[in-house]
PDB file of N, CA and C in Angstrom:
ATOM      1  N   MET A   1       1.237   0.908   9.661  1.00  0.00           N
ATOM      2  CA  MET A   1       1.664   2.279   9.644  1.00  0.00           C
ATOM      3  C   MET A   1       0.464   3.216   9.488  1.00  0.00           C
ATOM      4  N   TYR A   2      -0.420   2.889   8.525  1.00  0.00           N
ATOM      5  CA  TYR A   2      -1.527   3.799   8.266  1.00  0.00           C
ATOM      6  C   TYR A   2      -2.499   3.889   9.437  1.00  0.00           C
ATOM      7  N   ALA A   3      -2.771   2.769  10.086  1.00  0.00           N
ATOM      8  CA  ALA A   3      -3.651   2.800  11.257  1.00  0.00           C
ATOM      9  C   ALA A   3      -3.014   3.640  12.371  1.00  0.00           C
ATOM     10  N   HIS A   4      -1.704   3.524  12.500  1.00  0.00           N
ATOM     11  CA  HIS A   4      -0.970   4.319  13.486  1.00  0.00           C
ATOM     12  C   HIS A   4      -1.119   5.808  13.177  1.00  0.00           C
ATOM     13  N   TYR A   5      -0.897   6.177  11.915  1.00  0.00           N
ATOM     14  CA  TYR A   5      -1.005   7.587  11.539  1.00  0.00           C
ATOM     15  C   TYR A   5      -2.433   8.095  11.682  1.00  0.00           C
ATOM     16  N   ALA A   6      -3.425   7.256  11.386  1.00  0.00           N
ATOM     17  CA  ALA A   6      -4.822   7.668  11.558  1.00  0.00           C
ATOM     18  C   ALA A   6      -5.106   8.015  13.013  1.00  0.00           C
ATOM     19  N   ALA A   7      -4.484   7.284  13.922  1.00  0.00           N
ATOM     20  CA  ALA A   7      -4.692   7.548  15.347  1.00  0.00           C
ATOM     21  C   ALA A   7      -3.935   8.783  15.830  1.00  0.00           C
ATOM     22  N   TYR A   8      -2.783   9.057  15.243  1.00  0.00           N
ATOM     23  CA  TYR A   8      -1.917  10.123  15.744  1.00  0.00           C
ATOM     24  C   TYR A   8      -2.067  11.480  15.063  1.00  0.00           C
ATOM     25  N   ILE A   9      -2.759  11.523  13.928  1.00  0.00           N
ATOM     26  CA  ILE A   9      -2.892  12.801  13.235  1.00  0.00           C
ATOM     27  C   ILE A   9      -3.687  13.781  14.101  1.00  0.00           C
ATOM     28  N   ARG A  10      -3.224  15.023  14.183  1.00  0.00           N
ATOM     29  CA  ARG A  10      -3.823  16.020  15.059  1.00  0.00           C
ATOM     30  C   ARG A  10      -4.121  17.308  14.291  1.00  0.00           C
ATOM     31  N   GLY A  11      -4.876  18.159  14.927  1.00  0.00           N
ATOM     32  CA  GLY A  11      -5.130  19.490  14.387  1.00  0.00           C
ATOM     33  C   GLY A  11      -6.099  19.477  13.223  1.00  0.00           C
ATOM     34  N   ILE A  12      -6.103  20.561  12.502  1.00  0.00           N
ATOM     35  CA  ILE A  12      -7.025  20.751  11.393  1.00  0.00           C
ATOM     36  C   ILE A  12      -6.832  19.706  10.297  1.00  0.00           C
ATOM     37  N   HIS A  13      -5.637  19.170  10.170  1.00  0.00           N
ATOM     38  CA  HIS A  13      -5.352  18.172   9.141  1.00  0.00           C
ATOM     39  C   HIS A  13      -6.005  16.827   9.432  1.00  0.00           C
ATOM     40  N   ARG A  14      -6.407  16.626  10.694  1.00  0.00           N
ATOM     41  CA  ARG A  14      -7.070  15.381  11.070  1.00  0.00           C
ATOM     42  C   ARG A  14      -8.358  15.171  10.274  1.00  0.00           C
ATOM     43  N   LEU A  15      -9.045  16.258   9.976  1.00  0.00           N
ATOM     44  CA  LEU A  15     -10.335  16.155   9.280  1.00  0.00           C
ATOM     45  C   LEU A  15     -10.220  15.418   7.946  1.00  0.00           C
ATOM     46  N   GLN A  16      -9.147  15.641   7.239  1.00  0.00           N
ATOM     47  CA  GLN A  16      -8.995  14.973   5.944  1.00  0.00           C
ATOM     48  C   GLN A  16      -8.029  13.795   5.974  1.00  0.00           C
ATOM     49  N   LEU A  17      -7.021  13.871   6.823  1.00  0.00           N
ATOM     50  CA  LEU A  17      -6.005  12.820   6.790  1.00  0.00           C
ATOM     51  C   LEU A  17      -6.365  11.579   7.596  1.00  0.00           C
ATOM     52  N   GLU A  18      -7.149  11.712   8.640  1.00  0.00           N
ATOM     53  CA  GLU A  18      -7.549  10.513   9.393  1.00  0.00           C
ATOM     54  C   GLU A  18      -8.333   9.562   8.490  1.00  0.00           C
ATOM     55  N   PRO A  19      -9.338  10.039   7.746  1.00  0.00           N
ATOM     56  CA  PRO A  19     -10.027   9.120   6.826  1.00  0.00           C
ATOM     57  C   PRO A  19      -9.098   8.578   5.724  1.00  0.00           C
ATOM     58  N   HIS A  20      -8.188   9.404   5.256  1.00  0.00           N
ATOM     59  CA  HIS A  20      -7.237   8.968   4.230  1.00  0.00           C
ATOM     60  C   HIS A  20      -6.388   7.808   4.749  1.00  0.00           C
ATOM     61  N   PHE A  21      -5.799   7.977   5.935  1.00  0.00           N
ATOM     62  CA  PHE A  21      -4.940   6.927   6.489  1.00  0.00           C
ATOM     63  C   PHE A  21      -5.742   5.670   6.827  1.00  0.00           C
ATOM     64  N   THR A  22      -6.965   5.840   7.320  1.00  0.00           N
ATOM     65  CA  THR A  22      -7.816   4.690   7.627  1.00  0.00           C
ATOM     66  C   THR A  22      -8.140   3.905   6.358  1.00  0.00           C
ATOM     67  N   THR A  23      -8.446   4.611   5.288  1.00  0.00           N
ATOM     68  CA  THR A  23      -8.725   3.967   4.004  1.00  0.00           C
ATOM     69  C   THR A  23      -7.494   3.231   3.488  1.00  0.00           C
ATOM     70  N   GLU A  24      -6.324   3.841   3.618  1.00  0.00           N
ATOM     71  CA  GLU A  24      -5.083   3.199   3.178  1.00  0.00           C
ATOM     72  C   GLU A  24      -4.811   1.920   3.973  1.00  0.00           C
ATOM     73  N   ALA A  25      -5.101   1.946   5.271  1.00  0.00           N
ATOM     74  CA  ALA A  25      -4.902   0.749   6.101  1.00  0.00           C
ATOM     75  C   ALA A  25      -5.802  -0.386   5.622  1.00  0.00           C
ATOM     76  N   THR A  26      -7.057  -0.067   5.355  1.00  0.00           N
ATOM     77  CA  THR A  26      -8.009  -1.067   4.870  1.00  0.00           C
ATOM     78  C   THR A  26      -7.587  -1.596   3.508  1.00  0.00           C
ATOM     79  N   GLU A  27      -7.168  -0.692   2.626  1.00  0.00           N
ATOM     80  CA  GLU A  27      -6.720  -1.088   1.294  1.00  0.00           C
ATOM     81  C   GLU A  27      -5.503  -2.012   1.371  1.00  0.00           C
ATOM     82  N   SER A  28      -4.582  -1.715   2.260  1.00  0.00           N
ATOM     83  CA  SER A  28      -3.385  -2.551   2.424  1.00  0.00           C
ATOM     84  C   SER A  28      -3.757  -3.970   2.832  1.00  0.00           C
ATOM     85  N   MET A  29      -4.735  -4.089   3.717  1.00  0.00           N
ATOM     86  CA  MET A  29      -5.171  -5.431   4.140  1.00  0.00           C
ATOM     87  C   MET A  29      -5.825  -6.185   2.980  1.00  0.00           C
ATOM     88  N   MET A  30      -6.636  -5.494   2.197  1.00  0.00           N
ATOM     89  CA  MET A  30      -7.269  -6.138   1.042  1.00  0.00           C
ATOM     90  C   MET A  30      -6.220  -6.598   0.038  1.00  0.00           C
ATOM     91  N   HIS A  31      -5.222  -5.741  -0.207  1.00  0.00           N
ATOM     92  CA  HIS A  31      -4.160  -6.107  -1.141  1.00  0.00           C
ATOM     93  C   HIS A  31      -3.395  -7.332  -0.647  1.00  0.00           C
ATOM     94  N   SER A  32      -3.094  -7.356   0.640  1.00  0.00           N
ATOM     95  CA  SER A  32      -2.335  -8.495   1.169  1.00  0.00           C
ATOM     96  C   SER A  32      -3.142  -9.789   1.052  1.00  0.00           C
ATOM     97  N   ASN A  33      -4.450  -9.718   1.213  1.00  0.00           N
ATOM     98  CA  ASN A  33      -5.287 -10.916   1.054  1.00  0.00           C
ATOM     99  C   ASN A  33      -5.260 -11.422  -0.382  1.00  0.00           C
ATOM    100  N   ILE A  34      -5.300 -10.507  -1.341  1.00  0.00           N
ATOM    101  CA  ILE A  34      -5.248 -10.896  -2.749  1.00  0.00           C
ATOM    102  C   ILE A  34      -3.899 -11.543  -3.069  1.00  0.00           C
ATOM    103  N   VAL A  35      -2.833 -10.926  -2.600  1.00  0.00           N
ATOM    104  CA  VAL A  35      -1.495 -11.464  -2.866  1.00  0.00           C
ATOM    105  C   VAL A  35      -1.311 -12.813  -2.190  1.00  0.00           C
ATOM    106  N   ARG A  36      -1.781 -12.937  -0.972  1.00  0.00           N
ATOM    107  CA  ARG A  36      -1.680 -14.207  -0.250  1.00  0.00           C
ATOM    108  C   ARG A  36      -2.380 -15.313  -1.040  1.00  0.00           C
ATOM    109  N   SER A  37      -3.587 -15.029  -1.525  1.00  0.00           N
ATOM    110  CA  SER A  37      -4.324 -16.011  -2.323  1.00  0.00           C
ATOM    111  C   SER A  37      -3.588 -16.338  -3.618  1.00  0.00           C
ATOM    112  N   ALA A  38      -2.975 -15.336  -4.228  1.00  0.00           N
ATOM    113  CA  ALA A  38      -2.216 -15.548  -5.467  1.00  0.00           C
ATOM    114  C   ALA A  38      -1.034 -16.474  -5.227  1.00  0.00           C
ATOM    115  N   ILE A  39      -0.346 -16.275  -4.124  1.00  0.00           N
ATOM    116  CA  ILE A  39       0.808 -17.123  -3.800  1.00  0.00           C
ATOM    117  C   ILE A  39       0.374 -18.575  -3.667  1.00  0.00           C
ATOM    118  N   VAL A  40      -0.722 -18.793  -2.964  1.00  0.00           N
ATOM    119  CA  VAL A  40      -1.234 -20.149  -2.780  1.00  0.00           C
ATOM    120  C   VAL A  40      -1.675 -20.726  -4.123  1.00  0.00           C
ATOM    121  N   LYS A  41      -2.363 -19.928  -4.930  1.00  0.00           N
ATOM    122  CA  LYS A  41      -2.835 -20.383  -6.248  1.00  0.00           C
ATOM    123  C   LYS A  41      -1.678 -20.833  -7.127  1.00  0.00           C
ATOM    124  N   LEU A  42      -0.542 -20.158  -7.003  1.00  0.00           N
ATOM    125  CA  LEU A  42       0.629 -20.499  -7.824  1.00  0.00           C
ATOM    126  C   LEU A  42       1.482 -21.606  -7.195  1.00  0.00           C
ATOM    127  N   GLY A  43       0.993 -22.170  -6.074  1.00  0.00           N
ATOM    128  CA  GLY A  43       1.688 -23.293  -5.462  1.00  0.00           C
ATOM    129  C   GLY A  43       2.713 -22.918  -4.414  1.00  0.00           C
ATOM    130  N   GLY A  44       2.740 -21.653  -4.039  1.00  0.00           N
ATOM    131  CA  GLY A  44       3.694 -21.210  -3.032  1.00  0.00           C
ATOM    132  C   GLY A  44       3.128 -21.313  -1.624  1.00  0.00           C
ATOM    133  N   VAL A  45       3.938 -20.926  -0.681  1.00  0.00           N
ATOM    134  CA  VAL A  45       3.541 -20.906   0.719  1.00  0.00           C
ATOM    135  C   VAL A  45       3.434 -19.439   1.139  1.00  0.00           C
ATOM    136  N   ALA A  46       2.243 -19.053   1.530  1.00  0.00           N
ATOM    137  CA  ALA A  46       2.012 -17.662   1.938  1.00  0.00           C
ATOM    138  C   ALA A  46       2.432 -17.485   3.392  1.00  0.00           C
ATOM    139  N   ALA A  47       3.409 -16.642   3.600  1.00  0.00           N
ATOM    140  CA  ALA A  47       3.883 -16.327   4.951  1.00  0.00           C
ATOM    141  C   ALA A  47       3.572 -14.861   5.218  1.00  0.00           C
ATOM    142  N   THR A  48       2.851 -14.613   6.291  1.00  0.00           N
ATOM    143  CA  THR A  48       2.479 -13.246   6.607  1.00  0.00           C
ATOM    144  C   THR A  48       3.534 -12.648   7.527  1.00  0.00           C
ATOM    145  N   GLU A  49       4.280 -11.711   6.976  1.00  0.00           N
ATOM    146  CA  GLU A  49       5.303 -11.010   7.740  1.00  0.00           C
ATOM    147  C   GLU A  49       5.183  -9.530   7.459  1.00  0.00           C
ATOM    148  N   ARG A  50       5.296  -8.728   8.494  1.00  0.00           N
ATOM    149  CA  ARG A  50       5.247  -7.287   8.339  1.00  0.00           C
ATOM    150  C   ARG A  50       6.579  -6.777   7.816  1.00  0.00           C
ATOM    151  N   ASN A  51       6.516  -5.808   6.948  1.00  0.00           N
ATOM    152  CA  ASN A  51       7.722  -5.148   6.475  1.00  0.00           C
ATOM    153  C   ASN A  51       8.524  -4.686   7.691  1.00  0.00           C
ATOM    154  N   GLN A  52       9.816  -4.922   7.677  1.00  0.00           N
ATOM    155  CA  GLN A  52      10.654  -4.602   8.839  1.00  0.00           C
ATOM    156  C   GLN A  52      11.020  -3.125   8.962  1.00  0.00           C
ATOM    157  N   THR A  53      10.591  -2.314   8.010  1.00  0.00           N
ATOM    158  CA  THR A  53      10.857  -0.882   8.109  1.00  0.00           C
ATOM    159  C   THR A  53      10.144  -0.328   9.333  1.00  0.00           C
ATOM    160  N   PRO A  54      10.873   0.345  10.217  1.00  0.00           N
ATOM    161  CA  PRO A  54      10.216   0.867  11.421  1.00  0.00           C
ATOM    162  C   PRO A  54       9.216   1.973  11.077  1.00  0.00           C
ATOM    163  N   ILE A  55       8.156   2.039  11.863  1.00  0.00           N
ATOM    164  CA  ILE A  55       7.162   3.100  11.707  1.00  0.00           C
ATOM    165  C   ILE A  55       7.712   4.357  12.364  1.00  0.00           C
ATOM    166  N   THR A  56       7.693   5.447  11.629  1.00  0.00           N
ATOM    167  CA  THR A  56       8.126   6.728  12.185  1.00  0.00           C
ATOM    168  C   THR A  56       7.020   7.242  13.098  1.00  0.00           C
ATOM    169  N   HIS A  57       7.337   7.397  14.367  1.00  0.00           N
ATOM    170  CA  HIS A  57       6.357   7.902  15.337  1.00  0.00           C
ATOM    171  C   HIS A  57       6.442   9.419  15.349  1.00  0.00           C
ATOM    172  N   THR A  58       5.383  10.033  14.844  1.00  0.00           N
ATOM    173  CA  THR A  58       5.364  11.477  14.722  1.00  0.00           C
ATOM    174  C   THR A  58       3.934  11.976  14.782  1.00  0.00           C
ATOM    175  N   THR A  59       3.763  13.230  15.099  1.00  0.00           N
ATOM    176  CA  THR A  59       2.457  13.870  14.985  1.00  0.00           C
ATOM    177  C   THR A  59       2.474  14.900  13.860  1.00  0.00           C
ATOM    178  N   SER A  60       3.576  14.995  13.132  1.00  0.00           N
ATOM    179  CA  SER A  60       3.706  15.924  12.018  1.00  0.00           C
ATOM    180  C   SER A  60       3.039  15.330  10.776  1.00  0.00           C
ATOM    181  N   TYR A  61       2.034  16.014  10.269  1.00  0.00           N
ATOM    182  CA  TYR A  61       1.353  15.497   9.089  1.00  0.00           C
ATOM    183  C   TYR A  61       2.286  15.448   7.882  1.00  0.00           C
ATOM    184  N   LEU A  62       3.239  16.367   7.809  1.00  0.00           N
ATOM    185  CA  LEU A  62       4.176  16.350   6.686  1.00  0.00           C
ATOM    186  C   LEU A  62       5.081  15.125   6.735  1.00  0.00           C
ATOM    187  N   GLU A  63       5.538  14.762   7.924  1.00  0.00           N
ATOM    188  CA  GLU A  63       6.355  13.547   8.057  1.00  0.00           C
ATOM    189  C   GLU A  63       5.529  12.309   7.730  1.00  0.00           C
ATOM    190  N   MET A  64       4.276  12.299   8.170  1.00  0.00           N
ATOM    191  CA  MET A  64       3.401  11.169   7.874  1.00  0.00           C
ATOM    192  C   MET A  64       3.206  11.016   6.373  1.00  0.00           C
ATOM    193  N   LEU A  65       2.971  12.126   5.704  1.00  0.00           N
ATOM    194  CA  LEU A  65       2.784  12.082   4.258  1.00  0.00           C
ATOM    195  C   LEU A  65       4.064  11.647   3.546  1.00  0.00           C
ATOM    196  N   ALA A  66       5.206  12.132   4.018  1.00  0.00           N
ATOM    197  CA  ALA A  66       6.483  11.754   3.412  1.00  0.00           C
ATOM    198  C   ALA A  66       6.742  10.255   3.579  1.00  0.00           C
ATOM    199  N   GLU A  67       6.497   9.721   4.759  1.00  0.00           N
ATOM    200  CA  GLU A  67       6.685   8.287   5.003  1.00  0.00           C
ATOM    201  C   GLU A  67       5.701   7.466   4.184  1.00  0.00           C
ATOM    202  N   SER A  68       4.490   7.954   4.076  1.00  0.00           N
ATOM    203  CA  SER A  68       3.478   7.259   3.269  1.00  0.00           C
ATOM    204  C   SER A  68       3.883   7.228   1.805  1.00  0.00           C
ATOM    205  N   LEU A  69       4.442   8.322   1.321  1.00  0.00           N
ATOM    206  CA  LEU A  69       4.892   8.388  -0.071  1.00  0.00           C
ATOM    207  C   LEU A  69       5.999   7.366  -0.328  1.00  0.00           C
ATOM    208  N   VAL A  70       6.928   7.236   0.596  1.00  0.00           N
ATOM    209  CA  VAL A  70       7.994   6.235   0.463  1.00  0.00           C
ATOM    210  C   VAL A  70       7.387   4.829   0.412  1.00  0.00           C
ATOM    211  N   THR A  71       6.450   4.555   1.296  1.00  0.00           N
ATOM    212  CA  THR A  71       5.810   3.240   1.361  1.00  0.00           C
ATOM    213  C   THR A  71       5.044   2.930   0.081  1.00  0.00           C
ATOM    214  N   GLU A  72       4.250   3.882  -0.383  1.00  0.00           N
ATOM    215  CA  GLU A  72       3.447   3.661  -1.581  1.00  0.00           C
ATOM    216  C   GLU A  72       4.319   3.524  -2.830  1.00  0.00           C
ATOM    217  N   THR A  73       5.403   4.279  -2.893  1.00  0.00           N
ATOM    218  CA  THR A  73       6.322   4.187  -4.026  1.00  0.00           C
ATOM    219  C   THR A  73       6.942   2.796  -4.079  1.00  0.00           C
ATOM    220  N   LYS A  74       7.376   2.294  -2.930  1.00  0.00           N
ATOM    221  CA  LYS A  74       7.960   0.950  -2.864  1.00  0.00           C
ATOM    222  C   LYS A  74       6.920  -0.102  -3.240  1.00  0.00           C
ATOM    223  N   ALA A  75       5.701   0.056  -2.757  1.00  0.00           N
ATOM    224  CA  ALA A  75       4.640  -0.902  -3.080  1.00  0.00           C
ATOM    225  C   ALA A  75       4.378  -0.929  -4.584  1.00  0.00           C
ATOM    226  N   ALA A  76       4.329   0.247  -5.197  1.00  0.00           N
ATOM    227  CA  ALA A  76       4.108   0.315  -6.647  1.00  0.00           C
ATOM    228  C   ALA A  76       5.227  -0.413  -7.394  1.00  0.00           C
ATOM    229  N   GLU A  77       6.456  -0.235  -6.948  1.00  0.00           N
ATOM    230  CA  GLU A  77       7.585  -0.917  -7.583  1.00  0.00           C
ATOM    231  C   GLU A  77       7.450  -2.437  -7.459  1.00  0.00           C
ATOM    232  N   VAL A  78       7.109  -2.903  -6.271  1.00  0.00           N
ATOM    233  CA  VAL A  78       6.991  -4.342  -6.033  1.00  0.00           C
ATOM    234  C   VAL A  78       5.859  -4.937  -6.866  1.00  0.00           C
ATOM    235  N   TYR A  79       4.711  -4.258  -6.896  1.00  0.00           N
ATOM    236  CA  TYR A  79       3.585  -4.778  -7.690  1.00  0.00           C
ATOM    237  C   TYR A  79       3.907  -4.744  -9.176  1.00  0.00           C
ATOM    238  N   GLY A  80       4.669  -3.747  -9.619  1.00  0.00           N
ATOM    239  CA  GLY A  80       5.099  -3.705 -11.010  1.00  0.00           C
ATOM    240  C   GLY A  80       5.953  -4.923 -11.367  1.00  0.00           C
ATOM    241  N   GLU A  81       6.851  -5.303 -10.455  1.00  0.00           N
ATOM    242  CA  GLU A  81       7.677  -6.494 -10.661  1.00  0.00           C
ATOM    243  C   GLU A  81       6.826  -7.763 -10.634  1.00  0.00           C
ATOM    244  N   LEU A  82       5.854  -7.791  -9.752  1.00  0.00           N
ATOM    245  CA  LEU A  82       4.981  -8.951  -9.613  1.00  0.00           C
ATOM    246  C   LEU A  82       4.146  -9.174 -10.876  1.00  0.00           C
ATOM    247  N   ILE A  83       3.691  -8.083 -11.483  1.00  0.00           N
ATOM    248  CA  ILE A  83       2.910  -8.188 -12.718  1.00  0.00           C
ATOM    249  C   ILE A  83       3.705  -8.941 -13.785  1.00  0.00           C
ATOM    250  N   ALA A  84       4.977  -8.598 -13.925  1.00  0.00           N
ATOM    251  CA  ALA A  84       5.814  -9.256 -14.928  1.00  0.00           C
ATOM    252  C   ALA A  84       5.924 -10.755 -14.652  1.00  0.00           C
ATOM    253  N   MET A  85       6.091 -11.132 -13.390  1.00  0.00           N
ATOM    254  CA  MET A  85       6.202 -12.554 -13.049  1.00  0.00           C
ATOM    255  C   MET A  85       4.900 -13.295 -13.332  1.00  0.00           C
ATOM    256  N   ILE A  86       3.777 -12.664 -13.004  1.00  0.00           N
ATOM    257  CA  ILE A  86       2.478 -13.315 -13.215  1.00  0.00           C
ATOM    258  C   ILE A  86       2.174 -13.439 -14.710  1.00  0.00           C
ATOM    259  N   GLN A  87       2.591 -12.453 -15.476  1.00  0.00           N
ATOM    260  CA  GLN A  87       2.369 -12.503 -16.916  1.00  0.00           C
ATOM    261  C   GLN A  87       3.054 -13.736 -17.510  1.00  0.00           C
ATOM    262  N   GLU A  88       4.229 -14.067 -16.979  1.00  0.00           N
ATOM    263  CA  GLU A  88       4.943 -15.260 -17.443  1.00  0.00           C
ATOM    264  C   GLU A  88       4.158 -16.532 -17.148  1.00  0.00           C
ATOM    265  N   GLU A  89       3.384 -16.528 -16.061  1.00  0.00           N
ATOM    266  CA  GLU A  89       2.577 -17.692 -15.689  1.00  0.00           C
ATOM    267  C   GLU A  89       1.365 -17.853 -16.604  1.00  0.00           C
ATOM    268  N   GLY A  90       0.931 -16.750 -17.240  1.00  0.00           N
ATOM    269  CA  GLY A  90      -0.197 -16.820 -18.165  1.00  0.00           C
ATOM    270  C   GLY A  90      -1.561 -16.874 -17.504  1.00  0.00           C
ATOM    271  N   ASP A  91      -1.671 -16.450 -16.256  1.00  0.00           N
ATOM    272  CA  ASP A  91      -2.945 -16.457 -15.533  1.00  0.00           C
ATOM    273  C   ASP A  91      -3.598 -15.084 -15.678  1.00  0.00           C
ATOM    274  N   ALA A  92      -4.550 -14.972 -16.585  1.00  0.00           N
ATOM    275  CA  ALA A  92      -5.164 -13.673 -16.892  1.00  0.00           C
ATOM    276  C   ALA A  92      -5.933 -13.099 -15.706  1.00  0.00           C
ATOM    277  N   ASP A  93      -6.660 -13.926 -14.966  1.00  0.00           N
ATOM    278  CA  ASP A  93      -7.430 -13.432 -13.820  1.00  0.00           C
ATOM    279  C   ASP A  93      -6.511 -12.880 -12.734  1.00  0.00           C
ATOM    280  N   LEU A  94      -5.475 -13.611 -12.453  1.00  0.00           N
ATOM    281  CA  LEU A  94      -4.521 -13.176 -11.438  1.00  0.00           C
ATOM    282  C   LEU A  94      -3.795 -11.917 -11.898  1.00  0.00           C
ATOM    283  N   TYR A  95      -3.423 -11.886 -13.157  1.00  0.00           N
ATOM    284  CA  TYR A  95      -2.768 -10.706 -13.721  1.00  0.00           C
ATOM    285  C   TYR A  95      -3.663  -9.475 -13.542  1.00  0.00           C
ATOM    286  N   ASP A  96      -4.938  -9.632 -13.854  1.00  0.00           N
ATOM    287  CA  ASP A  96      -5.880  -8.517 -13.726  1.00  0.00           C
ATOM    288  C   ASP A  96      -5.978  -8.034 -12.278  1.00  0.00           C
ATOM    289  N   ALA A  97      -6.040  -8.969 -11.341  1.00  0.00           N
ATOM    290  CA  ALA A  97      -6.153  -8.599  -9.925  1.00  0.00           C
ATOM    291  C   ALA A  97      -4.925  -7.820  -9.451  1.00  0.00           C
ATOM    292  N   ILE A  98      -3.744  -8.296  -9.817  1.00  0.00           N
ATOM    293  CA  ILE A  98      -2.510  -7.624  -9.393  1.00  0.00           C
ATOM    294  C   ILE A  98      -2.337  -6.301 -10.135  1.00  0.00           C
ATOM    295  N   GLU A  99      -2.753  -6.265 -11.384  1.00  0.00           N
ATOM    296  CA  GLU A  99      -2.676  -5.007 -12.128  1.00  0.00           C
ATOM    297  C   GLU A  99      -3.553  -3.936 -11.479  1.00  0.00           C
ATOM    298  N   GLN A 100      -4.723  -4.328 -10.997  1.00  0.00           N
ATOM    299  CA  GLN A 100      -5.608  -3.368 -10.322  1.00  0.00           C
ATOM    300  C   GLN A 100      -4.956  -2.827  -9.049  1.00  0.00           C
ATOM    301  N   ILE A 101      -4.272  -3.685  -8.326  1.00  0.00           N
ATOM    302  CA  ILE A 101      -3.550  -3.242  -7.129  1.00  0.00           C
ATOM    303  C   ILE A 101      -2.434  -2.284  -7.532  1.00  0.00           C
ATOM    304  N   TYR A 102      -1.693  -2.650  -8.558  1.00  0.00           N
ATOM    305  CA  TYR A 102      -0.600  -1.804  -9.039  1.00  0.00           C
ATOM    306  C   TYR A 102      -1.115  -0.411  -9.414  1.00  0.00           C
ATOM    307  N   LEU A 103      -2.196  -0.362 -10.146  1.00  0.00           N
ATOM    308  CA  LEU A 103      -2.758   0.932 -10.550  1.00  0.00           C
ATOM    309  C   LEU A 103      -3.243   1.736  -9.345  1.00  0.00           C
ATOM    310  N   ALA A 104      -3.795   1.054  -8.350  1.00  0.00           N
ATOM    311  CA  ALA A 104      -4.211   1.741  -7.121  1.00  0.00           C
ATOM    312  C   ALA A 104      -3.001   2.336  -6.403  1.00  0.00           C
ATOM    313  N   GLU A 105      -1.895   1.611  -6.396  1.00  0.00           N
ATOM    314  CA  GLU A 105      -0.679   2.120  -5.756  1.00  0.00           C
ATOM    315  C   GLU A 105      -0.125   3.328  -6.509  1.00  0.00           C
ATOM    316  N   ILE A 106      -0.166   3.280  -7.827  1.00  0.00           N
ATOM    317  CA  ILE A 106       0.293   4.415  -8.632  1.00  0.00           C
ATOM    318  C   ILE A 106      -0.567   5.650  -8.333  1.00  0.00           C
ATOM    319  N   ARG A 107      -1.884   5.457  -8.241  1.00  0.00           N
ATOM    320  CA  ARG A 107      -2.777   6.577  -7.902  1.00  0.00           C
ATOM    321  C   ARG A 107      -2.458   7.119  -6.510  1.00  0.00           C
ATOM    322  N   SER A 108      -2.163   6.234  -5.576  1.00  0.00           N
ATOM    323  CA  SER A 108      -1.817   6.668  -4.216  1.00  0.00           C
ATOM    324  C   SER A 108      -0.533   7.488  -4.207  1.00  0.00           C
ATOM    325  N   VAL A 109       0.444   7.067  -4.987  1.00  0.00           N
ATOM    326  CA  VAL A 109       1.698   7.816  -5.072  1.00  0.00           C
ATOM    327  C   VAL A 109       1.422   9.233  -5.574  1.00  0.00           C
ATOM    328  N   GLU A 110       0.636   9.347  -6.613  1.00  0.00           N
ATOM    329  CA  GLU A 110       0.338  10.678  -7.160  1.00  0.00           C
ATOM    330  C   GLU A 110      -0.453  11.531  -6.180  1.00  0.00           C
ATOM    331  N   GLU A 111      -1.408  10.926  -5.499  1.00  0.00           N
ATOM    332  CA  GLU A 111      -2.195  11.679  -4.512  1.00  0.00           C
ATOM    333  C   GLU A 111      -1.319  12.156  -3.357  1.00  0.00           C
ATOM    334  N   LEU A 112      -0.440  11.298  -2.878  1.00  0.00           N
ATOM    335  CA  LEU A 112       0.447  11.683  -1.783  1.00  0.00           C
ATOM    336  C   LEU A 112       1.423  12.788  -2.203  1.00  0.00           C
ATOM    337  N   ARG A 113       1.907  12.722  -3.421  1.00  0.00           N
ATOM    338  CA  ARG A 113       2.773  13.807  -3.908  1.00  0.00           C
ATOM    339  C   ARG A 113       2.035  15.131  -3.852  1.00  0.00           C
ATOM    340  N   ARG A 114       0.787  15.118  -4.262  1.00  0.00           N
ATOM    341  CA  ARG A 114       0.003  16.363  -4.256  1.00  0.00           C
ATOM    342  C   ARG A 114      -0.303  16.814  -2.831  1.00  0.00           C
ATOM    343  N   LEU A 115      -0.598  15.892  -1.939  1.00  0.00           N
ATOM    344  CA  LEU A 115      -0.891  16.246  -0.555  1.00  0.00           C
ATOM    345  C   LEU A 115       0.326  16.816   0.159  1.00  0.00           C
ATOM    346  N   ALA A 116       1.495  16.314  -0.183  1.00  0.00           N
ATOM    347  CA  ALA A 116       2.719  16.731   0.502  1.00  0.00           C
ATOM    348  C   ALA A 116       3.299  18.046  -0.026  1.00  0.00           C
ATOM    349  N   GLU A 117       2.733  18.602  -1.064  1.00  0.00           N
ATOM    350  CA  GLU A 117       3.251  19.860  -1.635  1.00  0.00           C
ATOM    351  C   GLU A 117       3.033  21.025  -0.678  1.00  0.00           C
TER     352      GLU A 117
END
């Protein structure tokens, strides 16, 4: 989604939002790599599947920000749930890695709220 929005953002907002969306795309890939490794470390099978939520095709920066806010909010919720599960496993290193992702998602939610005002 973020790479798509980075390509489609137009007008004066492109100056700030294209780098923002590009950074979010890169961050999402890094997070997925950490989670994939965590799944394997805990004995699971890592399956790479894209979220089935359709990407909203738009050139409206406000719609892009609104969709991004929904995505980041959901990610924060999921990572919050994941932290609790990992804490039960007692793996401090893994807990720290997922907690850092969770905190990054919380920061993204707050930044997107401010951008969308």
